[in-house]
Amino acid sequence: MGIWTWLFRMRPDDVDALLAQPDGLDQLLDACFSEHPQVRPVAQMDTHRVWHAIHVLLTGKEGDGADPPASHVVWDGHRLSWGGGPYVAETLLRPDQVRKVADYLDALDFDELLHARAPAMRNGELWVYSFTGWNDGLDLIESGALARTFNELRTFYRAAARAGDVVCKSRG
C-alpha cells in the first residue's frame, strides 16, 4: 500500500514524445519529479495520505476491482509500471478519461457520499490507510482533510479536462 499519490497534468504531445523514447517511463518520471530541461507538468497535486480514503469513499473498495471513472480518480488508469524503483505504480489517463473523471466528480454530492460511506470507514468495515491520527487525533473526516482533498481533486480534474491534458499518477 502506497503512502501518497501525486497527480500531474501534462500536455498529451509532451507525454507521447517522452513515452516514445527508449527510456520513456524514466523520462516521464523525471519530467514529473525533477527539473526536466524541456518538459514540465502544467500542474501537480499531492494527495498526501488522503488518497486511499478518497479511493474508498468513491468506490466502496479498499483496493482493485472498482469501476471507472471512480477508480480512475487516484488509483487506476493505463498502467505504465508496477513496483519499479521508489514508486509503487504509475498510471496515466488520456484526455477522454480525464473528462469522464471530471464529469463524474462534478456530478457527485460529497456530503451524500460521505454520509453513506463514513460509518463503514469509521468502524473498520472498509479499511482506510492512515484514517486516524490527524490534527490532535482526529480522523480524516473530522479534520476536514478528506473534504479538502476531494475539492482539490475536483478542481484539478476540472482544469485538466478543460485544457485537454493528460493526468499522470504516481503512487509510492
Protein backbone atom coordinates (compact mmCIF):
# COMPACT_ATOMS: atom_id res chain seq x y z
CA MET A 1 0.00 0.00 0.00
CA GLY A 2 1.48 3.32 -1.03
CA ILE A 3 1.58 6.25 1.32
CA TRP A 4 0.96 9.03 -1.21
CA THR A 5 -0.29 9.70 -4.69
CA TRP A 6 1.00 12.55 -6.84
CA LEU A 7 -1.03 13.70 -9.83
CA PHE A 8 0.49 15.63 -12.72
CA ARG A 9 -1.29 17.44 -15.52
CA MET A 10 0.70 17.27 -18.74
CA ARG A 11 0.15 18.09 -22.38
CA PRO A 12 -0.65 14.95 -24.42
CA ASP A 13 2.04 15.70 -27.03
CA ASP A 14 4.70 16.03 -24.32
CA VAL A 15 3.69 12.71 -22.75
CA ASP A 16 3.65 10.93 -26.11
CA ALA A 17 7.09 12.32 -27.00
CA LEU A 18 8.55 11.18 -23.68
CA LEU A 19 6.99 7.72 -23.84
CA ALA A 20 8.30 7.25 -27.39
CA GLN A 21 11.86 7.33 -26.02
CA PRO A 22 13.59 4.01 -25.22
CA ASP A 23 13.62 5.03 -21.54
CA GLY A 24 10.25 6.76 -21.82
CA LEU A 25 8.87 5.95 -18.38
CA ASP A 26 12.06 7.19 -16.73
CA GLN A 27 11.84 10.34 -18.85
CA LEU A 28 8.23 10.86 -17.82
CA LEU A 29 9.00 10.40 -14.13
CA ASP A 30 11.98 12.71 -14.45
CA ALA A 31 9.72 15.33 -16.02
CA CYS A 32 7.26 14.98 -13.15
CA PHE A 33 9.59 14.74 -10.17
CA SER A 34 12.61 16.81 -11.10
CA GLU A 35 13.68 19.81 -13.09
CA HIS A 36 13.45 18.28 -16.56
CA PRO A 37 15.10 20.60 -19.06
CA GLN A 38 12.36 20.55 -21.68
CA VAL A 39 9.11 19.19 -20.31
CA ARG A 40 7.40 20.09 -17.08
CA PRO A 41 3.92 19.35 -15.75
CA VAL A 42 1.30 22.04 -16.27
CA ALA A 43 0.18 21.49 -12.66
CA GLN A 44 0.60 18.94 -9.92
CA MET A 45 -1.19 17.81 -6.80
CA ASP A 46 -0.08 15.77 -3.82
CA THR A 47 -2.92 13.91 -2.14
CA HIS A 48 -0.66 13.04 0.81
CA ARG A 49 -2.08 10.22 2.90
CA VAL A 50 -5.66 11.06 1.94
CA TRP A 51 -5.54 9.28 -1.45
CA HIS A 52 -6.69 5.93 -0.07
CA ALA A 53 -9.65 7.43 1.80
CA ILE A 54 -10.67 9.17 -1.44
CA HIS A 55 -10.49 5.85 -3.29
CA VAL A 56 -12.55 4.06 -0.63
CA LEU A 57 -15.05 6.92 -0.45
CA LEU A 58 -15.60 6.93 -4.21
CA THR A 59 -15.52 3.20 -4.91
CA GLY A 60 -16.55 1.48 -1.68
CA LYS A 61 -13.50 -0.77 -2.14
CA GLU A 62 -10.15 -0.87 -0.37
CA GLY A 63 -8.14 -1.80 -3.46
CA ASP A 64 -8.52 -3.05 -7.02
CA GLY A 65 -11.77 -4.14 -8.57
CA ALA A 66 -13.67 -0.87 -8.76
CA ASP A 67 -15.10 0.55 -11.97
CA PRO A 68 -14.08 3.74 -13.75
CA PRO A 69 -14.46 6.63 -13.54
CA ALA A 70 -14.50 6.30 -9.73
CA SER A 71 -11.45 4.02 -9.77
CA HIS A 72 -9.58 6.42 -12.06
CA VAL A 73 -9.57 9.38 -9.68
CA VAL A 74 -6.49 8.33 -7.66
CA TRP A 75 -5.93 4.62 -8.36
CA ASP A 76 -6.38 3.13 -11.80
CA GLY A 77 -5.71 4.15 -15.36
CA HIS A 78 -3.40 2.94 -18.10
CA ARG A 79 -0.69 1.22 -16.06
CA LEU A 80 2.78 2.35 -17.06
CA SER A 81 4.64 0.40 -14.38
CA TRP A 82 4.15 -1.58 -11.23
CA GLY A 83 6.62 -1.86 -8.39
CA GLY A 84 9.61 -0.18 -10.01
CA GLY A 85 12.11 1.89 -8.06
CA PRO A 86 10.71 4.01 -5.24
CA TYR A 87 7.29 4.06 -6.85
CA VAL A 88 4.53 1.53 -6.38
CA ALA A 89 2.66 2.34 -9.57
CA GLU A 90 2.48 4.86 -12.33
CA THR A 91 -0.76 5.25 -14.25
CA LEU A 92 -1.93 7.59 -16.95
CA LEU A 93 -5.32 8.93 -18.00
CA ARG A 94 -5.81 10.22 -21.53
CA PRO A 95 -7.90 13.38 -22.11
CA ASP A 96 -11.15 11.46 -22.74
CA GLN A 97 -10.70 9.60 -19.44
CA VAL A 98 -9.81 12.84 -17.66
CA ARG A 99 -13.06 14.36 -18.94
CA LYS A 100 -15.05 11.38 -17.63
CA VAL A 101 -13.42 11.70 -14.20
CA ALA A 102 -14.06 15.46 -14.11
CA ASP A 103 -17.72 14.99 -15.07
CA TYR A 104 -18.09 12.21 -12.51
CA LEU A 105 -16.61 14.32 -9.70
CA ASP A 106 -18.70 17.33 -10.64
CA ALA A 107 -21.89 15.26 -10.51
CA LEU A 108 -21.20 13.86 -7.03
CA ASP A 109 -22.76 15.18 -3.86
CA PHE A 110 -19.81 14.85 -1.46
CA ASP A 111 -21.94 15.13 1.68
CA GLU A 112 -24.33 12.41 0.49
CA LEU A 113 -21.47 10.11 -0.41
CA LEU A 114 -19.73 10.76 2.90
CA HIS A 115 -22.94 10.09 4.81
CA ALA A 116 -23.26 6.73 3.02
CA ARG A 117 -19.62 5.60 3.48
CA ALA A 118 -18.46 7.23 6.73
CA PRO A 119 -19.90 4.60 9.08
CA ALA A 120 -18.10 1.75 7.31
CA MET A 121 -14.88 3.77 7.17
CA ARG A 122 -15.06 4.67 10.86
CA ASN A 123 -15.92 1.20 12.15
CA GLY A 124 -13.25 -0.51 10.05
CA GLU A 125 -15.67 -2.38 7.80
CA LEU A 126 -13.88 -0.51 4.99
CA TRP A 127 -10.22 -0.26 5.96
CA VAL A 128 -8.66 3.10 5.13
CA TYR A 129 -4.92 3.67 5.25
CA SER A 130 -3.98 6.39 7.76
CA PHE A 131 -7.61 7.19 8.64
CA THR A 132 -6.89 8.34 12.20
CA GLY A 133 -4.22 10.43 13.85
CA TRP A 134 -4.86 13.75 12.12
CA ASN A 135 -4.66 17.07 13.99
CA ASP A 136 -4.92 16.08 17.68
CA GLY A 137 -6.14 12.56 16.97
CA LEU A 138 -9.00 13.45 14.66
CA ASP A 139 -9.82 11.19 11.73
CA LEU A 140 -9.72 12.27 8.08
CA ILE A 141 -13.37 13.28 8.17
CA GLU A 142 -13.28 15.23 11.44
CA SER A 143 -10.08 17.05 10.49
CA GLY A 144 -11.56 18.17 7.17
CA ALA A 145 -8.67 16.59 5.21
CA LEU A 146 -10.98 14.30 3.23
CA ALA A 147 -13.30 17.14 2.13
CA ARG A 148 -10.36 19.45 1.30
CA THR A 149 -8.61 16.82 -0.81
CA PHE A 150 -11.85 15.87 -2.58
CA ASN A 151 -12.45 19.52 -3.51
CA GLU A 152 -8.84 19.93 -4.67
CA LEU A 153 -9.17 16.82 -6.86
CA ARG A 154 -12.43 18.11 -8.32
CA THR A 155 -10.75 21.42 -9.20
CA PHE A 156 -7.64 19.67 -10.55
CA TYR A 157 -9.60 17.36 -12.86
CA ARG A 158 -11.95 20.13 -13.97
CA ALA A 159 -8.95 22.25 -15.08
CA ALA A 160 -7.25 19.25 -16.73
CA ALA A 161 -10.42 18.40 -18.68
CA ARG A 162 -10.90 22.00 -19.84
CA ALA A 163 -7.30 22.11 -21.10
CA GLY A 164 -7.37 18.65 -22.72
CA ASP A 165 -4.49 17.47 -20.54
CA VAL A 166 -3.28 14.00 -19.65
CA VAL A 167 -3.14 13.12 -15.95
CA CYS A 168 -0.20 11.03 -14.80
CA LYS A 169 -0.38 9.49 -11.34
CA SER A 170 2.43 8.10 -9.26
CA ARG A 171 1.81 6.18 -6.05
CA GLY A 172 4.62 5.37 -3.70
